C-alpha atoms as a PDB file:
ATOM      1  CA  MET A   1     -12.002 -19.964  28.213  1.00  0.00           C
ATOM      2  CA  SER A   2     -14.922 -18.731  26.653  1.00  0.00           C
ATOM      3  CA  ILE A   3     -14.134 -17.737  22.985  1.00  0.00           C
ATOM      4  CA  LEU A   4     -15.903 -15.329  20.857  1.00  0.00           C
ATOM      5  CA  VAL A   5     -15.007 -14.521  17.387  1.00  0.00           C
ATOM      6  CA  LYS A   6     -17.106 -11.763  15.303  1.00  0.00           C
ATOM      7  CA  VAL A   7     -16.756  -9.187  12.614  1.00  0.00           C
ATOM      8  CA  ALA A   8     -14.749  -6.253  13.621  1.00  0.00           C
ATOM      9  CA  GLU A   9     -17.890  -3.712  12.917  1.00  0.00           C
ATOM     10  CA  SER A  10     -16.275  -0.403  14.136  1.00  0.00           C
ATOM     11  CA  LEU A  11     -13.350   1.530  13.720  1.00  0.00           C
ATOM     12  CA  ASP A  12     -12.483   1.037  17.054  1.00  0.00           C
ATOM     13  CA  GLU A  13     -12.520  -2.704  16.356  1.00  0.00           C
ATOM     14  CA  PHE A  14     -10.707  -2.317  12.938  1.00  0.00           C
ATOM     15  CA  LYS A  15      -7.987  -0.524  14.878  1.00  0.00           C
ATOM     16  CA  LEU A  16      -7.733  -3.117  17.734  1.00  0.00           C
ATOM     17  CA  ALA A  17      -7.249  -5.704  14.911  1.00  0.00           C
ATOM     18  CA  LEU A  18      -4.656  -3.871  13.849  1.00  0.00           C
ATOM     19  CA  GLN A  19      -2.953  -3.405  17.215  1.00  0.00           C
ATOM     20  CA  ILE A  20      -2.994  -7.478  17.470  1.00  0.00           C
ATOM     21  CA  ARG A  21      -1.356  -7.655  14.167  1.00  0.00           C
ATOM     22  CA  ARG A  22       1.590  -5.310  15.300  1.00  0.00           C
ATOM     23  CA  GLN A  23       2.305  -7.160  18.173  1.00  0.00           C
ATOM     24  CA  VAL A  24       2.176 -10.161  16.977  1.00  0.00           C
ATOM     25  CA  PHE A  25       3.719  -9.401  13.333  1.00  0.00           C
ATOM     26  CA  VAL A  26       6.211  -6.464  13.983  1.00  0.00           C
ATOM     27  CA  GLU A  27       7.015  -6.940  17.969  1.00  0.00           C
ATOM     28  CA  GLU A  28       7.405 -10.471  18.105  1.00  0.00           C
ATOM     29  CA  HIS A  29       8.249 -11.679  14.205  1.00  0.00           C
ATOM     30  CA  ARG A  30      10.332  -8.608  13.034  1.00  0.00           C
ATOM     31  CA  VAL A  31       7.944  -8.181   9.946  1.00  0.00           C
ATOM     32  CA  PRO A  32       8.829  -4.671   9.086  1.00  0.00           C
ATOM     33  CA  GLU A  33       5.706  -2.265   9.632  1.00  0.00           C
ATOM     34  CA  GLU A  34       5.636  -0.558   6.508  1.00  0.00           C
ATOM     35  CA  ILE A  35       5.076  -4.032   4.451  1.00  0.00           C
ATOM     36  CA  GLU A  36       2.151  -5.313   7.260  1.00  0.00           C
ATOM     37  CA  ALA A  37      -0.148  -3.086   6.557  1.00  0.00           C
ATOM     38  CA  ASP A  38      -1.491  -3.209   3.291  1.00  0.00           C
ATOM     39  CA  GLN A  39      -3.877  -2.035   0.451  1.00  0.00           C
ATOM     40  CA  TYR A  40      -5.971  -4.422   1.541  1.00  0.00           C
ATOM     41  CA  ASP A  41      -6.795  -3.262   5.104  1.00  0.00           C
ATOM     42  CA  HIS A  42      -9.770  -1.249   3.988  1.00  0.00           C
ATOM     43  CA  VAL A  43     -11.507  -3.910   1.555  1.00  0.00           C
ATOM     44  CA  ALA A  44     -11.000  -6.982   3.566  1.00  0.00           C
ATOM     45  CA  VAL A  45     -13.556  -8.224   6.058  1.00  0.00           C
ATOM     46  CA  HIS A  46     -11.589  -7.850   9.367  1.00  0.00           C
ATOM     47  CA  PHE A  47     -12.624 -10.423  12.490  1.00  0.00           C
ATOM     48  CA  LEU A  48     -11.775 -10.182  16.382  1.00  0.00           C
ATOM     49  CA  ALA A  49     -11.214 -13.106  18.386  1.00  0.00           C
ATOM     50  CA  TRP A  50     -12.108 -12.377  22.246  1.00  0.00           C
ATOM     51  CA  ASP A  51     -12.192 -13.381  25.601  1.00  0.00           C
ATOM     52  CA  GLY A  52     -14.666 -11.767  27.541  1.00  0.00           C
ATOM     53  CA  LYS A  53     -13.803  -8.370  27.030  1.00  0.00           C
ATOM     54  CA  LYS A  54     -10.409  -8.978  25.910  1.00  0.00           C
ATOM     55  CA  GLU A  55      -9.106  -9.187  22.699  1.00  0.00           C
ATOM     56  CA  ILE A  56      -6.793 -12.191  21.801  1.00  0.00           C
ATOM     57  CA  GLY A  57      -6.767 -12.596  17.784  1.00  0.00           C
ATOM     58  CA  THR A  58      -7.561 -11.460  14.522  1.00  0.00           C
ATOM     59  CA  GLY A  59      -7.715 -12.722  10.800  1.00  0.00           C
ATOM     60  CA  ARG A  60      -9.196 -11.055   7.522  1.00  0.00           C
ATOM     61  CA  LEU A  61     -10.434 -11.820   4.495  1.00  0.00           C
ATOM     62  CA  ARG A  62     -10.558 -10.912   1.078  1.00  0.00           C
ATOM     63  CA  TRP A  63     -11.992 -11.756  -2.059  1.00  0.00           C
ATOM     64  CA  THR A  64      -9.621 -12.523  -4.942  1.00  0.00           C
ATOM     65  CA  ASP A  65     -12.946 -13.281  -7.285  1.00  0.00           C
ATOM     66  CA  LEU A  66     -16.312 -14.418  -6.886  1.00  0.00           C
ATOM     67  CA  GLU A  67     -16.109 -17.834  -5.859  1.00  0.00           C
ATOM     68  CA  THR A  68     -12.476 -17.722  -3.758  1.00  0.00           C
ATOM     69  CA  ALA A  69     -11.860 -15.780  -0.680  1.00  0.00           C
ATOM     70  CA  LYS A  70      -8.134 -15.098   0.783  1.00  0.00           C
ATOM     71  CA  VAL A  71      -7.746 -15.699   4.556  1.00  0.00           C
ATOM     72  CA  GLU A  72      -4.644 -13.130   5.295  1.00  0.00           C
ATOM     73  CA  ARG A  73      -2.817 -11.537   8.719  1.00  0.00           C
ATOM     74  CA  VAL A  74      -4.072 -14.466  11.072  1.00  0.00           C
ATOM     75  CA  ALA A  75      -2.741 -13.355  14.623  1.00  0.00           C
ATOM     76  CA  VAL A  76      -3.214 -14.381  17.921  1.00  0.00           C
ATOM     77  CA  GLN A  77      -1.436 -13.085  21.033  1.00  0.00           C
ATOM     78  CA  LYS A  78       1.148 -15.255  22.610  1.00  0.00           C
ATOM     79  CA  GLU A  79      -0.572 -16.748  25.378  1.00  0.00           C
ATOM     80  CA  TYR A  80      -3.226 -17.380  23.742  1.00  0.00           C
ATOM     81  CA  ARG A  81      -1.997 -19.894  21.402  1.00  0.00           C
ATOM     82  CA  HIS A  82      -2.569 -23.518  21.285  1.00  0.00           C
ATOM     83  CA  SER A  83      -5.833 -22.896  22.877  1.00  0.00           C
ATOM     84  CA  GLY A  84      -7.994 -23.193  19.883  1.00  0.00           C
ATOM     85  CA  THR A  85      -8.493 -19.326  19.095  1.00  0.00           C
ATOM     86  CA  GLY A  86      -6.922 -20.015  15.736  1.00  0.00           C
ATOM     87  CA  LYS A  87      -8.970 -22.886  15.063  1.00  0.00           C
ATOM     88  CA  LYS A  88     -12.015 -20.798  16.186  1.00  0.00           C
ATOM     89  CA  ILE A  89     -11.122 -17.464  14.175  1.00  0.00           C
ATOM     90  CA  MET A  90     -10.743 -19.980  10.849  1.00  0.00           C
ATOM     91  CA  GLU A  91     -13.732 -21.903  11.969  1.00  0.00           C
ATOM     92  CA  VAL A  92     -15.523 -18.386  11.930  1.00  0.00           C
ATOM     93  CA  MET A  93     -14.214 -17.024   8.782  1.00  0.00           C
ATOM     94  CA  GLU A  94     -14.895 -20.050   6.964  1.00  0.00           C
ATOM     95  CA  GLN A  95     -18.807 -19.779   7.990  1.00  0.00           C
ATOM     96  CA  TYR A  96     -18.935 -16.299   6.989  1.00  0.00           C
ATOM     97  CA  ALA A  97     -17.370 -17.291   3.291  1.00  0.00           C
ATOM     98  CA  ARG A  98     -19.821 -20.010   2.967  1.00  0.00           C
ATOM     99  CA  GLU A  99     -22.398 -17.776   3.829  1.00  0.00           C
ATOM    100  CA  LYS A 100     -21.460 -15.287   0.842  1.00  0.00           C
ATOM    101  CA  GLY A 101     -21.317 -18.322  -1.575  1.00  0.00           C
ATOM    102  CA  THR A 102     -17.423 -18.432  -1.690  1.00  0.00           C
ATOM    103  CA  LYS A 103     -16.493 -21.984  -2.769  1.00  0.00           C
ATOM    104  CA  LYS A 104     -12.738 -21.692  -2.260  1.00  0.00           C
ATOM    105  CA  ILE A 105     -10.838 -20.682   0.225  1.00  0.00           C
ATOM    106  CA  VAL A 106      -6.961 -20.020  -0.262  1.00  0.00           C
ATOM    107  CA  LEU A 107      -4.049 -18.585   1.974  1.00  0.00           C
ATOM    108  CA  HIS A 108      -0.222 -18.336   2.354  1.00  0.00           C
ATOM    109  CA  ALA A 109       1.070 -19.558   5.511  1.00  0.00           C
ATOM    110  CA  PRO A 110       4.626 -19.011   7.144  1.00  0.00           C
ATOM    111  CA  LEU A 111       6.226 -22.823   6.500  1.00  0.00           C
ATOM    112  CA  GLU A 112       5.966 -23.474  10.598  1.00  0.00           C
ATOM    113  CA  ALA A 113       2.151 -22.523  10.628  1.00  0.00           C
ATOM    114  CA  VAL A 114       1.475 -25.277   7.530  1.00  0.00           C
ATOM    115  CA  PRO A 115       0.742 -28.038  10.093  1.00  0.00           C
ATOM    116  CA  PHE A 116      -2.008 -26.438  11.721  1.00  0.00           C
ATOM    117  CA  TYR A 117      -3.538 -25.708   8.836  1.00  0.00           C
ATOM    118  CA  GLU A 118      -3.240 -29.078   7.569  1.00  0.00           C
ATOM    119  CA  LYS A 119      -5.015 -30.066  10.712  1.00  0.00           C
ATOM    120  CA  ILE A 120      -7.589 -28.095   9.815  1.00  0.00           C
ATOM    121  CA  GLY A 121      -8.446 -29.579   6.362  1.00  0.00           C
ATOM    122  CA  TYR A 122      -5.907 -27.133   4.303  1.00  0.00           C
ATOM    123  CA  GLN A 123      -3.527 -28.711   1.409  1.00  0.00           C
ATOM    124  CA  LYS A 124      -0.295 -27.614  -0.083  1.00  0.00           C
ATOM    125  CA  GLU A 125      -0.277 -26.166  -3.427  1.00  0.00           C
ATOM    126  CA  GLY A 126       3.143 -25.593  -5.120  1.00  0.00           C
ATOM    127  CA  ALA A 127       6.286 -24.898  -3.637  1.00  0.00           C
ATOM    128  CA  PRO A 128       7.326 -22.333  -1.276  1.00  0.00           C
ATOM    129  CA  PHE A 129       8.456 -19.423  -1.635  1.00  0.00           C
ATOM    130  CA  VAL A 130       9.477 -16.149   0.314  1.00  0.00           C
ATOM    131  CA  GLU A 131       6.817 -13.736   0.969  1.00  0.00           C
ATOM    132  CA  GLY A 132       7.701 -10.377   3.106  1.00  0.00           C
ATOM    133  CA  ILE A 133      10.717 -11.571   4.931  1.00  0.00           C
ATOM    134  CA  ARG A 134       9.698 -15.038   5.490  1.00  0.00           C
ATOM    135  CA  GLU A 135       9.366 -18.775   3.498  1.00  0.00           C
ATOM    136  CA  HIS A 136       5.492 -19.697   2.785  1.00  0.00           C
ATOM    137  CA  LEU A 137       3.513 -22.064   1.172  1.00  0.00           C
ATOM    138  CA  LYS A 138      -0.076 -21.553  -0.870  1.00  0.00           C
ATOM    139  CA  LEU A 139      -2.599 -23.640   0.375  1.00  0.00           C
ATOM    140  CA  PHE A 140      -6.234 -24.357   0.132  1.00  0.00           C
ATOM    141  CA  LYS A 141      -9.586 -25.477   1.199  1.00  0.00           C
ATOM    142  CA  LEU A 142     -12.696 -26.480  -0.665  1.00  0.00           C
ATOM    143  CA  LEU A 143     -15.872 -25.458   0.809  1.00  0.00           C
ATOM    144  CA  GLU A 144     -19.170 -27.394   0.895  1.00  0.00           C
END
């Protein structure tokens, strides 16, 4: 498997990212559709992961201030989990953020995803909280 992750540059690619999110969050995890898409979709930078010609994952990045970016809506299709796709999406988003002068990345991870983010260098911050319909934890990573 050869995974390619790139910025979603067209409206069609943006729609593919939303489609993956709908499959993973709404259909699989039962997140209400009205809270899955939000006001940040049109200001965030969206990324798509591909295996050949098949789109398999997505994530988005938006800036909360000049030096801090927030990773959001990372989703990998079920059959591609544990394949390195999520890690590759994160690496590409981190590199993109680094190139834009970002010093810190933050994210809100569902509790079951915290070990994945810790494994790739993220640190816990604060206590668990409910976001949407699930418990999350804030994590951060300082970029070099």
